[in-house]
Amino acid sequence: MGQDASGARAERFSAYIDDLASVLGDPRRNGPMSSYCTGLLLPADRKSVEPMAAMTAPDRTAAQHQSLLHFVGKGDWSDDAVMGKVREHVVPHIETHGAISAWIVDGEPG
């Protein structure tokens, strides 16, 4: 895969996160949200804030860990507002083949 493709993906991801962050209410939450979402996408056995902090900020893991803990556990932002933004992005793509008639959620790959 070329640098152009990975650069374009990184730009799309950044734009997506910026749009989601627009409903967080405080711009200081944008960085932790970006780190948290990045951590969810990185390969790891555990998706808790401790390994995410180590992967997203290896030179300042303790501070990143605290930032992510605060964002997830104490952040005063609306889950409903964030999920509304996610729906704005996702539903139009899902409905390109027709209206949604059923959702199947499977926690196990394959």
PDB file of N, CA and C in Angstrom:
ATOM      1  N   MET A   1       0.850  -1.171   0.000  1.00  0.00           N
ATOM      2  CA  MET A   1       0.000   0.000   0.000  1.00  0.00           C
ATOM      3  C   MET A   1       0.890   1.226   0.000  1.00  0.00           C
ATOM      4  N   GLY A   2       0.567   2.165  -0.830  1.00  0.00           N
ATOM      5  CA  GLY A   2       1.382   3.349  -0.972  1.00  0.00           C
ATOM      6  C   GLY A   2       1.123   4.380   0.105  1.00  0.00           C
ATOM      7  N   GLN A   3       2.065   5.295   0.224  1.00  0.00           N
ATOM      8  CA  GLN A   3       1.948   6.388   1.189  1.00  0.00           C
ATOM      9  C   GLN A   3       0.728   7.244   0.910  1.00  0.00           C
ATOM     10  N   ASP A   4       0.403   7.429  -0.380  1.00  0.00           N
ATOM     11  CA  ASP A   4      -0.760   8.248  -0.718  1.00  0.00           C
ATOM     12  C   ASP A   4      -2.044   7.670  -0.136  1.00  0.00           C
ATOM     13  N   ALA A   5      -2.215   6.352  -0.244  1.00  0.00           N
ATOM     14  CA  ALA A   5      -3.427   5.714   0.271  1.00  0.00           C
ATOM     15  C   ALA A   5      -3.486   5.815   1.795  1.00  0.00           C
ATOM     16  N   SER A   6      -2.376   5.548   2.482  1.00  0.00           N
ATOM     17  CA  SER A   6      -2.407   5.616   3.942  1.00  0.00           C
ATOM     18  C   SER A   6      -2.546   7.062   4.413  1.00  0.00           C
ATOM     19  N   GLY A   7      -1.960   8.005   3.681  1.00  0.00           N
ATOM     20  CA  GLY A   7      -2.121   9.418   4.020  1.00  0.00           C
ATOM     21  C   GLY A   7      -3.556   9.878   3.852  1.00  0.00           C
ATOM     22  N   ALA A   8      -4.198   9.415   2.785  1.00  0.00           N
ATOM     23  CA  ALA A   8      -5.604   9.766   2.550  1.00  0.00           C
ATOM     24  C   ALA A   8      -6.491   9.180   3.645  1.00  0.00           C
ATOM     25  N   ARG A   9      -6.200   7.943   4.050  1.00  0.00           N
ATOM     26  CA  ARG A   9      -6.968   7.323   5.133  1.00  0.00           C
ATOM     27  C   ARG A   9      -6.791   8.101   6.427  1.00  0.00           C
ATOM     28  N   ALA A  10      -5.567   8.508   6.717  1.00  0.00           N
ATOM     29  CA  ALA A  10      -5.293   9.267   7.934  1.00  0.00           C
ATOM     30  C   ALA A  10      -6.046  10.598   7.916  1.00  0.00           C
ATOM     31  N   GLU A  11      -6.096  11.245   6.755  1.00  0.00           N
ATOM     32  CA  GLU A  11      -6.830  12.503   6.638  1.00  0.00           C
ATOM     33  C   GLU A  11      -8.328  12.294   6.830  1.00  0.00           C
ATOM     34  N   ARG A  12      -8.883  11.215   6.254  1.00  0.00           N
ATOM     35  CA  ARG A  12     -10.319  10.923   6.423  1.00  0.00           C
ATOM     36  C   ARG A  12     -10.633  10.614   7.882  1.00  0.00           C
ATOM     37  N   PHE A  13      -9.757   9.840   8.535  1.00  0.00           N
ATOM     38  CA  PHE A  13      -9.955   9.510   9.951  1.00  0.00           C
ATOM     39  C   PHE A  13      -9.924  10.782  10.792  1.00  0.00           C
ATOM     40  N   SER A  14      -8.966  11.642  10.527  1.00  0.00           N
ATOM     41  CA  SER A  14      -8.840  12.892  11.276  1.00  0.00           C
ATOM     42  C   SER A  14     -10.079  13.767  11.083  1.00  0.00           C
ATOM     43  N   ALA A  15     -10.568  13.868   9.861  1.00  0.00           N
ATOM     44  CA  ALA A  15     -11.775  14.658   9.590  1.00  0.00           C
ATOM     45  C   ALA A  15     -12.990  14.054  10.298  1.00  0.00           C
ATOM     46  N   TYR A  16     -13.079  12.736  10.303  1.00  0.00           N
ATOM     47  CA  TYR A  16     -14.191  12.042  10.981  1.00  0.00           C
ATOM     48  C   TYR A  16     -14.148  12.330  12.479  1.00  0.00           C
ATOM     49  N   ILE A  17     -12.975  12.187  13.092  1.00  0.00           N
ATOM     50  CA  ILE A  17     -12.834  12.430  14.527  1.00  0.00           C
ATOM     51  C   ILE A  17     -13.126  13.897  14.848  1.00  0.00           C
ATOM     52  N   ASP A  18     -12.651  14.813  14.002  1.00  0.00           N
ATOM     53  CA  ASP A  18     -12.943  16.232  14.222  1.00  0.00           C
ATOM     54  C   ASP A  18     -14.443  16.484  14.209  1.00  0.00           C
ATOM     55  N   ASP A  19     -15.164  15.819  13.301  1.00  0.00           N
ATOM     56  CA  ASP A  19     -16.610  15.997  13.241  1.00  0.00           C
ATOM     57  C   ASP A  19     -17.277  15.423  14.483  1.00  0.00           C
ATOM     58  N   LEU A  20     -16.843  14.239  14.915  1.00  0.00           N
ATOM     59  CA  LEU A  20     -17.399  13.668  16.144  1.00  0.00           C
ATOM     60  C   LEU A  20     -17.118  14.578  17.327  1.00  0.00           C
ATOM     61  N   ALA A  21     -15.904  15.106  17.387  1.00  0.00           N
ATOM     62  CA  ALA A  21     -15.503  15.959  18.506  1.00  0.00           C
ATOM     63  C   ALA A  21     -16.289  17.265  18.557  1.00  0.00           C
ATOM     64  N   SER A  22     -16.907  17.631  17.446  1.00  0.00           N
ATOM     65  CA  SER A  22     -17.647  18.897  17.412  1.00  0.00           C
ATOM     66  C   SER A  22     -18.815  18.920  18.398  1.00  0.00           C
ATOM     67  N   VAL A  23     -19.253  17.761  18.882  1.00  0.00           N
ATOM     68  CA  VAL A  23     -20.370  17.715  19.828  1.00  0.00           C
ATOM     69  C   VAL A  23     -19.910  17.473  21.268  1.00  0.00           C
ATOM     70  N   LEU A  24     -18.608  17.478  21.517  1.00  0.00           N
ATOM     71  CA  LEU A  24     -18.100  17.203  22.864  1.00  0.00           C
ATOM     72  C   LEU A  24     -18.260  18.379  23.819  1.00  0.00           C
ATOM     73  N   GLY A  25     -18.433  19.581  23.281  1.00  0.00           N
ATOM     74  CA  GLY A  25     -18.696  20.725  24.130  1.00  0.00           C
ATOM     75  C   GLY A  25     -17.472  21.493  24.604  1.00  0.00           C
ATOM     76  N   ASP A  26     -16.298  20.890  24.591  1.00  0.00           N
ATOM     77  CA  ASP A  26     -15.083  21.553  25.051  1.00  0.00           C
ATOM     78  C   ASP A  26     -13.940  21.092  24.159  1.00  0.00           C
ATOM     79  N   PRO A  27     -13.276  22.004  23.471  1.00  0.00           N
ATOM     80  CA  PRO A  27     -12.211  21.601  22.547  1.00  0.00           C
ATOM     81  C   PRO A  27     -11.052  20.859  23.210  1.00  0.00           C
ATOM     82  N   ARG A  28     -10.924  20.965  24.533  1.00  0.00           N
ATOM     83  CA  ARG A  28      -9.859  20.219  25.229  1.00  0.00           C
ATOM     84  C   ARG A  28     -10.125  18.715  25.225  1.00  0.00           C
ATOM     85  N   ARG A  29     -11.331  18.314  24.891  1.00  0.00           N
ATOM     86  CA  ARG A  29     -11.661  16.882  24.823  1.00  0.00           C
ATOM     87  C   ARG A  29     -11.289  16.266  23.474  1.00  0.00           C
ATOM     88  N   ASN A  30     -11.001  17.085  22.484  1.00  0.00           N
ATOM     89  CA  ASN A  30     -10.729  16.580  21.139  1.00  0.00           C
ATOM     90  C   ASN A  30      -9.507  15.667  21.095  1.00  0.00           C
ATOM     91  N   GLY A  31      -8.417  16.062  21.730  1.00  0.00           N
ATOM     92  CA  GLY A  31      -7.206  15.245  21.734  1.00  0.00           C
ATOM     93  C   GLY A  31      -7.419  13.888  22.382  1.00  0.00           C
ATOM     94  N   PRO A  32      -7.985  13.856  23.599  1.00  0.00           N
ATOM     95  CA  PRO A  32      -8.255  12.555  24.218  1.00  0.00           C
ATOM     96  C   PRO A  32      -9.206  11.681  23.401  1.00  0.00           C
ATOM     97  N   MET A  33     -10.207  12.308  22.761  1.00  0.00           N
ATOM     98  CA  MET A  33     -11.116  11.515  21.927  1.00  0.00           C
ATOM     99  C   MET A  33     -10.363  10.900  20.756  1.00  0.00           C
ATOM    100  N   SER A  34      -9.528  11.686  20.118  1.00  0.00           N
ATOM    101  CA  SER A  34      -8.738  11.183  18.997  1.00  0.00           C
ATOM    102  C   SER A  34      -7.840  10.034  19.444  1.00  0.00           C
ATOM    103  N   SER A  35      -7.189  10.201  20.586  1.00  0.00           N
ATOM    104  CA  SER A  35      -6.323   9.139  21.106  1.00  0.00           C
ATOM    105  C   SER A  35      -7.119   7.888  21.447  1.00  0.00           C
ATOM    106  N   TYR A  36      -8.287   8.071  22.053  1.00  0.00           N
ATOM    107  CA  TYR A  36      -9.116   6.926  22.429  1.00  0.00           C
ATOM    108  C   TYR A  36      -9.578   6.161  21.184  1.00  0.00           C
ATOM    109  N   CYS A  37     -10.072   6.881  20.193  1.00  0.00           N
ATOM    110  CA  CYS A  37     -10.522   6.223  18.961  1.00  0.00           C
ATOM    111  C   CYS A  37      -9.364   5.552  18.231  1.00  0.00           C
ATOM    112  N   THR A  38      -8.212   6.200  18.217  1.00  0.00           N
ATOM    113  CA  THR A  38      -7.023   5.589  17.615  1.00  0.00           C
ATOM    114  C   THR A  38      -6.666   4.312  18.354  1.00  0.00           C
ATOM    115  N   GLY A  39      -6.678   4.367  19.685  1.00  0.00           N
ATOM    116  CA  GLY A  39      -6.370   3.181  20.491  1.00  0.00           C
ATOM    117  C   GLY A  39      -7.316   2.025  20.223  1.00  0.00           C
ATOM    118  N   LEU A  40      -8.582   2.327  19.989  1.00  0.00           N
ATOM    119  CA  LEU A  40      -9.543   1.263  19.677  1.00  0.00           C
ATOM    120  C   LEU A  40      -9.216   0.565  18.366  1.00  0.00           C
ATOM    121  N   LEU A  41      -8.596   1.283  17.442  1.00  0.00           N
ATOM    122  CA  LEU A  41      -8.287   0.714  16.128  1.00  0.00           C
ATOM    123  C   LEU A  41      -6.928   0.013  16.067  1.00  0.00           C
ATOM    124  N   LEU A  42      -6.061   0.263  17.028  1.00  0.00           N
ATOM    125  CA  LEU A  42      -4.732  -0.350  17.013  1.00  0.00           C
ATOM    126  C   LEU A  42      -4.800  -1.810  17.451  1.00  0.00           C
ATOM    127  N   PRO A  43      -3.900  -2.642  16.933  1.00  0.00           N
ATOM    128  CA  PRO A  43      -3.908  -4.050  17.335  1.00  0.00           C
ATOM    129  C   PRO A  43      -3.420  -4.209  18.780  1.00  0.00           C
ATOM    130  N   ALA A  44      -4.253  -4.791  19.605  1.00  0.00           N
ATOM    131  CA  ALA A  44      -3.897  -5.038  21.004  1.00  0.00           C
ATOM    132  C   ALA A  44      -4.813  -6.120  21.554  1.00  0.00           C
ATOM    133  N   ASP A  45      -4.300  -6.864  22.508  1.00  0.00           N
ATOM    134  CA  ASP A  45      -5.113  -7.899  23.139  1.00  0.00           C
ATOM    135  C   ASP A  45      -6.194  -7.296  24.022  1.00  0.00           C
ATOM    136  N   ARG A  46      -5.865  -6.176  24.661  1.00  0.00           N
ATOM    137  CA  ARG A  46      -6.823  -5.517  25.550  1.00  0.00           C
ATOM    138  C   ARG A  46      -7.095  -4.112  25.046  1.00  0.00           C
ATOM    139  N   LYS A  47      -8.337  -3.712  25.076  1.00  0.00           N
ATOM    140  CA  LYS A  47      -8.734  -2.375  24.629  1.00  0.00           C
ATOM    141  C   LYS A  47      -9.118  -1.517  25.830  1.00  0.00           C
ATOM    142  N   SER A  48      -8.307  -1.557  26.884  1.00  0.00           N
ATOM    143  CA  SER A  48      -8.526  -0.685  28.026  1.00  0.00           C
ATOM    144  C   SER A  48      -7.584   0.506  27.900  1.00  0.00           C
ATOM    145  N   VAL A  49      -7.795   1.533  28.733  1.00  0.00           N
ATOM    146  CA  VAL A  49      -7.027   2.760  28.554  1.00  0.00           C
ATOM    147  C   VAL A  49      -5.544   2.596  28.841  1.00  0.00           C
ATOM    148  N   GLU A  50      -5.166   1.648  29.670  1.00  0.00           N
ATOM    149  CA  GLU A  50      -3.734   1.487  29.966  1.00  0.00           C
ATOM    150  C   GLU A  50      -2.925   1.078  28.732  1.00  0.00           C
ATOM    151  N   PRO A  51      -3.287  -0.002  28.030  1.00  0.00           N
ATOM    152  CA  PRO A  51      -2.526  -0.315  26.816  1.00  0.00           C
ATOM    153  C   PRO A  51      -2.712   0.731  25.712  1.00  0.00           C
ATOM    154  N   MET A  52      -3.894   1.347  25.645  1.00  0.00           N
ATOM    155  CA  MET A  52      -4.105   2.400  24.654  1.00  0.00           C
ATOM    156  C   MET A  52      -3.157   3.568  24.903  1.00  0.00           C
ATOM    157  N   ALA A  53      -2.977   3.932  26.164  1.00  0.00           N
ATOM    158  CA  ALA A  53      -2.076   5.035  26.504  1.00  0.00           C
ATOM    159  C   ALA A  53      -0.650   4.712  26.085  1.00  0.00           C
ATOM    160  N   ALA A  54      -0.230   3.489  26.328  1.00  0.00           N
ATOM    161  CA  ALA A  54       1.131   3.086  25.958  1.00  0.00           C
ATOM    162  C   ALA A  54       1.334   3.108  24.446  1.00  0.00           C
ATOM    163  N   MET A  55       0.295   2.757  23.696  1.00  0.00           N
ATOM    164  CA  MET A  55       0.427   2.724  22.237  1.00  0.00           C
ATOM    165  C   MET A  55       0.303   4.113  21.607  1.00  0.00           C
ATOM    166  N   THR A  56      -0.538   4.972  22.182  1.00  0.00           N
ATOM    167  CA  THR A  56      -0.784   6.263  21.552  1.00  0.00           C
ATOM    168  C   THR A  56       0.165   7.360  22.026  1.00  0.00           C
ATOM    169  N   ALA A  57       0.820   7.161  23.167  1.00  0.00           N
ATOM    170  CA  ALA A  57       1.774   8.162  23.671  1.00  0.00           C
ATOM    171  C   ALA A  57       2.883   7.465  24.436  1.00  0.00           C
ATOM    172  N   PRO A  58       3.733   6.700  23.756  1.00  0.00           N
ATOM    173  CA  PRO A  58       4.749   5.910  24.456  1.00  0.00           C
ATOM    174  C   PRO A  58       5.744   6.738  25.274  1.00  0.00           C
ATOM    175  N   ASP A  59       5.936   8.000  24.921  1.00  0.00           N
ATOM    176  CA  ASP A  59       6.884   8.840  25.654  1.00  0.00           C
ATOM    177  C   ASP A  59       6.265   9.525  26.874  1.00  0.00           C
ATOM    178  N   ARG A  60       4.954   9.446  26.989  1.00  0.00           N
ATOM    179  CA  ARG A  60       4.269  10.054  28.127  1.00  0.00           C
ATOM    180  C   ARG A  60       3.045   9.227  28.515  1.00  0.00           C
ATOM    181  N   THR A  61       3.301   7.946  28.721  1.00  0.00           N
ATOM    182  CA  THR A  61       2.226   6.990  28.968  1.00  0.00           C
ATOM    183  C   THR A  61       1.401   7.327  30.210  1.00  0.00           C
ATOM    184  N   ALA A  62       2.061   7.698  31.310  1.00  0.00           N
ATOM    185  CA  ALA A  62       1.320   7.976  32.554  1.00  0.00           C
ATOM    186  C   ALA A  62       0.343   9.141  32.360  1.00  0.00           C
ATOM    187  N   ALA A  63       0.795  10.205  31.731  1.00  0.00           N
ATOM    188  CA  ALA A  63      -0.086  11.357  31.498  1.00  0.00           C
ATOM    189  C   ALA A  63      -1.210  10.995  30.532  1.00  0.00           C
ATOM    190  N   GLN A  64      -0.877  10.224  29.503  1.00  0.00           N
ATOM    191  CA  GLN A  64      -1.896   9.810  28.529  1.00  0.00           C
ATOM    192  C   GLN A  64      -2.926   8.904  29.200  1.00  0.00           C
ATOM    193  N   HIS A  65      -2.463   8.012  30.055  1.00  0.00           N
ATOM    194  CA  HIS A  65      -3.364   7.119  30.782  1.00  0.00           C
ATOM    195  C   HIS A  65      -4.361   7.942  31.596  1.00  0.00           C
ATOM    196  N   GLN A  66      -3.869   8.944  32.307  1.00  0.00           N
ATOM    197  CA  GLN A  66      -4.733   9.806  33.112  1.00  0.00           C
ATOM    198  C   GLN A  66      -5.714  10.568  32.236  1.00  0.00           C
ATOM    199  N   SER A  67      -5.240  11.070  31.099  1.00  0.00           N
ATOM    200  CA  SER A  67      -6.091  11.817  30.175  1.00  0.00           C
ATOM    201  C   SER A  67      -7.216  10.936  29.637  1.00  0.00           C
ATOM    202  N   LEU A  68      -6.877   9.715  29.239  1.00  0.00           N
ATOM    203  CA  LEU A  68      -7.889   8.802  28.701  1.00  0.00           C
ATOM    204  C   LEU A  68      -8.882   8.374  29.780  1.00  0.00           C
ATOM    205  N   LEU A  69      -8.380   8.117  30.996  1.00  0.00           N
ATOM    206  CA  LEU A  69      -9.279   7.766  32.099  1.00  0.00           C
ATOM    207  C   LEU A  69     -10.289   8.891  32.346  1.00  0.00           C
ATOM    208  N   HIS A  70      -9.797  10.104  32.352  1.00  0.00           N
ATOM    209  CA  HIS A  70     -10.686  11.241  32.583  1.00  0.00           C
ATOM    210  C   HIS A  70     -11.694  11.380  31.442  1.00  0.00           C
ATOM    211  N   PHE A  71     -11.225  11.239  30.220  1.00  0.00           N
ATOM    212  CA  PHE A  71     -12.118  11.366  29.065  1.00  0.00           C
ATOM    213  C   PHE A  71     -13.238  10.329  29.124  1.00  0.00           C
ATOM    214  N   VAL A  72     -12.888   9.087  29.408  1.00  0.00           N
ATOM    215  CA  VAL A  72     -13.875   8.006  29.404  1.00  0.00           C
ATOM    216  C   VAL A  72     -14.751   8.035  30.653  1.00  0.00           C
ATOM    217  N   GLY A  73     -14.142   8.241  31.814  1.00  0.00           N
ATOM    218  CA  GLY A  73     -14.887   8.083  33.061  1.00  0.00           C
ATOM    219  C   GLY A  73     -15.493   9.336  33.641  1.00  0.00           C
ATOM    220  N   LYS A  74     -14.868  10.469  33.398  1.00  0.00           N
ATOM    221  CA  LYS A  74     -15.315  11.700  34.049  1.00  0.00           C
ATOM    222  C   LYS A  74     -15.735  12.787  33.068  1.00  0.00           C
ATOM    223  N   GLY A  75     -15.478  12.548  31.796  1.00  0.00           N
ATOM    224  CA  GLY A  75     -15.801  13.571  30.794  1.00  0.00           C
ATOM    225  C   GLY A  75     -17.279  13.872  30.764  1.00  0.00           C
ATOM    226  N   ASP A  76     -17.609  15.139  30.764  1.00  0.00           N
ATOM    227  CA  ASP A  76     -19.002  15.571  30.764  1.00  0.00           C
ATOM    228  C   ASP A  76     -19.432  15.850  29.326  1.00  0.00           C
ATOM    229  N   TRP A  77     -19.642  14.776  28.566  1.00  0.00           N
ATOM    230  CA  TRP A  77     -20.088  14.904  27.190  1.00  0.00           C
ATOM    231  C   TRP A  77     -21.223  13.913  26.963  1.00  0.00           C
ATOM    232  N   SER A  78     -22.004  14.157  25.962  1.00  0.00           N
ATOM    233  CA  SER A  78     -23.211  13.370  25.721  1.00  0.00           C
ATOM    234  C   SER A  78     -22.952  12.187  24.780  1.00  0.00           C
ATOM    235  N   ASP A  79     -23.175  10.989  25.284  1.00  0.00           N
ATOM    236  CA  ASP A  79     -23.093   9.795  24.432  1.00  0.00           C
ATOM    237  C   ASP A  79     -24.075   9.911  23.265  1.00  0.00           C
ATOM    238  N   ASP A  80     -25.282  10.411  23.555  1.00  0.00           N
ATOM    239  CA  ASP A  80     -26.307  10.524  22.517  1.00  0.00           C
ATOM    240  C   ASP A  80     -25.865  11.461  21.392  1.00  0.00           C
ATOM    241  N   ALA A  81     -25.211  12.562  21.753  1.00  0.00           N
ATOM    242  CA  ALA A  81     -24.753  13.505  20.728  1.00  0.00           C
ATOM    243  C   ALA A  81     -23.671  12.878  19.857  1.00  0.00           C
ATOM    244  N   VAL A  82     -22.746  12.146  20.479  1.00  0.00           N
ATOM    245  CA  VAL A  82     -21.685  11.487  19.712  1.00  0.00           C
ATOM    246  C   VAL A  82     -22.291  10.407  18.815  1.00  0.00           C
ATOM    247  N   MET A  83     -23.190   9.605  19.355  1.00  0.00           N
ATOM    248  CA  MET A  83     -23.815   8.559  18.543  1.00  0.00           C
ATOM    249  C   MET A  83     -24.644   9.167  17.407  1.00  0.00           C
ATOM    250  N   GLY A  84     -25.240  10.321  17.633  1.00  0.00           N
ATOM    251  CA  GLY A  84     -25.962  11.007  16.567  1.00  0.00           C
ATOM    252  C   GLY A  84     -25.028  11.383  15.425  1.00  0.00           C
ATOM    253  N   LYS A  85     -23.826  11.860  15.767  1.00  0.00           N
ATOM    254  CA  LYS A  85     -22.831  12.186  14.738  1.00  0.00           C
ATOM    255  C   LYS A  85     -22.389  10.928  14.001  1.00  0.00           C
ATOM    256  N   VAL A  86     -22.195   9.835  14.732  1.00  0.00           N
ATOM    257  CA  VAL A  86     -21.807   8.569  14.100  1.00  0.00           C
ATOM    258  C   VAL A  86     -22.885   8.158  13.104  1.00  0.00           C
ATOM    259  N   ARG A  87     -24.147   8.240  13.519  1.00  0.00           N
ATOM    260  CA  ARG A  87     -25.249   7.886  12.612  1.00  0.00           C
ATOM    261  C   ARG A  87     -25.253   8.750  11.364  1.00  0.00           C
ATOM    262  N   GLU A  88     -24.959  10.042  11.507  1.00  0.00           N
ATOM    263  CA  GLU A  88     -24.917  10.930  10.342  1.00  0.00           C
ATOM    264  C   GLU A  88     -23.928  10.428   9.294  1.00  0.00           C
ATOM    265  N   HIS A  89     -22.840   9.809   9.748  1.00  0.00           N
ATOM    266  CA  HIS A  89     -21.824   9.302   8.827  1.00  0.00           C
ATOM    267  C   HIS A  89     -22.158   7.903   8.312  1.00  0.00           C
ATOM    268  N   VAL A  90     -22.637   7.053   9.195  1.00  0.00           N
ATOM    269  CA  VAL A  90     -22.764   5.629   8.886  1.00  0.00           C
ATOM    270  C   VAL A  90     -24.043   5.282   8.127  1.00  0.00           C
ATOM    271  N   VAL A  91     -25.167   5.774   8.585  1.00  0.00           N
ATOM    272  CA  VAL A  91     -26.448   5.362   8.013  1.00  0.00           C
ATOM    273  C   VAL A  91     -26.541   5.623   6.505  1.00  0.00           C
ATOM    274  N   PRO A  92     -26.121   6.784   5.997  1.00  0.00           N
ATOM    275  CA  PRO A  92     -26.202   6.971   4.544  1.00  0.00           C
ATOM    276  C   PRO A  92     -25.403   5.926   3.755  1.00  0.00           C
ATOM    277  N   HIS A  93     -24.267   5.493   4.286  1.00  0.00           N
ATOM    278  CA  HIS A  93     -23.479   4.471   3.594  1.00  0.00           C
ATOM    279  C   HIS A  93     -24.165   3.110   3.649  1.00  0.00           C
ATOM    280  N   ILE A  94     -24.760   2.807   4.783  1.00  0.00           N
ATOM    281  CA  ILE A  94     -25.471   1.530   4.917  1.00  0.00           C
ATOM    282  C   ILE A  94     -26.682   1.499   3.982  1.00  0.00           C
ATOM    283  N   GLU A  95     -27.363   2.621   3.866  1.00  0.00           N
ATOM    284  CA  GLU A  95     -28.593   2.664   3.092  1.00  0.00           C
ATOM    285  C   GLU A  95     -28.374   2.836   1.584  1.00  0.00           C
ATOM    286  N   THR A  96     -27.136   2.825   1.120  1.00  0.00           N
ATOM    287  CA  THR A  96     -26.906   2.932  -0.327  1.00  0.00           C
ATOM    288  C   THR A  96     -27.504   1.746  -1.076  1.00  0.00           C
ATOM    289  N   HIS A  97     -27.714   0.638  -0.398  1.00  0.00           N
ATOM    290  CA  HIS A  97     -28.291  -0.561  -1.026  1.00  0.00           C
ATOM    291  C   HIS A  97     -29.762  -0.741  -0.681  1.00  0.00           C
ATOM    292  N   GLY A  98     -30.346   0.240  -0.011  1.00  0.00           N
ATOM    293  CA  GLY A  98     -31.756   0.155   0.360  1.00  0.00           C
ATOM    294  C   GLY A  98     -31.934   0.487   1.830  1.00  0.00           C
ATOM    295  N   ALA A  99     -33.180   0.620   2.224  1.00  0.00           N
ATOM    296  CA  ALA A  99     -33.492   0.961   3.608  1.00  0.00           C
ATOM    297  C   ALA A  99     -33.068  -0.160   4.550  1.00  0.00           C
ATOM    298  N   ILE A 100     -32.745   0.214   5.767  1.00  0.00           N
ATOM    299  CA  ILE A 100     -32.361  -0.768   6.786  1.00  0.00           C
ATOM    300  C   ILE A 100     -33.612  -1.517   7.226  1.00  0.00           C
ATOM    301  N   SER A 101     -33.574  -2.850   7.133  1.00  0.00           N
ATOM    302  CA  SER A 101     -34.715  -3.636   7.593  1.00  0.00           C
ATOM    303  C   SER A 101     -34.359  -4.476   8.813  1.00  0.00           C
ATOM    304  N   ALA A 102     -33.067  -4.731   9.036  1.00  0.00           N
ATOM    305  CA  ALA A 102     -32.653  -5.514  10.198  1.00  0.00           C
ATOM    306  C   ALA A 102     -31.182  -5.229  10.490  1.00  0.00           C
ATOM    307  N   TRP A 103     -30.817  -5.357  11.763  1.00  0.00           N
ATOM    308  CA  TRP A 103     -29.424  -5.230  12.185  1.00  0.00           C
ATOM    309  C   TRP A 103     -28.998  -6.569  12.767  1.00  0.00           C
ATOM    310  N   ILE A 104     -27.859  -7.040  12.363  1.00  0.00           N
ATOM    311  CA  ILE A 104     -27.293  -8.255  12.952  1.00  0.00           C
ATOM    312  C   ILE A 104     -25.949  -7.856  13.550  1.00  0.00           C
ATOM    313  N   VAL A 105     -25.814  -8.011  14.853  1.00  0.00           N
ATOM    314  CA  VAL A 105     -24.571  -7.659  15.532  1.00  0.00           C
ATOM    315  C   VAL A 105     -23.961  -8.951  16.040  1.00  0.00           C
ATOM    316  N   ASP A 106     -22.740  -9.212  15.615  1.00  0.00           N
ATOM    317  CA  ASP A 106     -22.034 -10.420  15.991  1.00  0.00           C
ATOM    318  C   ASP A 106     -20.695 -10.024  16.583  1.00  0.00           C
ATOM    319  N   GLY A 107     -20.474 -10.322  17.830  1.00  0.00           N
ATOM    320  CA  GLY A 107     -19.238  -9.940  18.508  1.00  0.00           C
ATOM    321  C   GLY A 107     -18.038 -10.776  18.112  1.00  0.00           C
ATOM    322  N   GLU A 108     -18.236 -11.865  17.443  1.00  0.00           N
ATOM    323  CA  GLU A 108     -17.144 -12.747  17.069  1.00  0.00           C
ATOM    324  C   GLU A 108     -16.872 -12.642  15.566  1.00  0.00           C
ATOM    325  N   PRO A 109     -15.618 -12.380  15.185  1.00  0.00           N
ATOM    326  CA  PRO A 109     -15.308 -12.339  13.749  1.00  0.00           C
ATOM    327  C   PRO A 109     -15.450 -13.715  13.107  1.00  0.00           C
ATOM    328  N   GLY A 110     -15.817 -13.680  11.855  1.00  0.00           N
ATOM    329  CA  GLY A 110     -15.867 -14.925  11.065  1.00  0.00           C
ATOM    330  C   GLY A 110     -17.042 -15.705  11.367  1.00  0.00           C
TER     331      GLY A 110
END
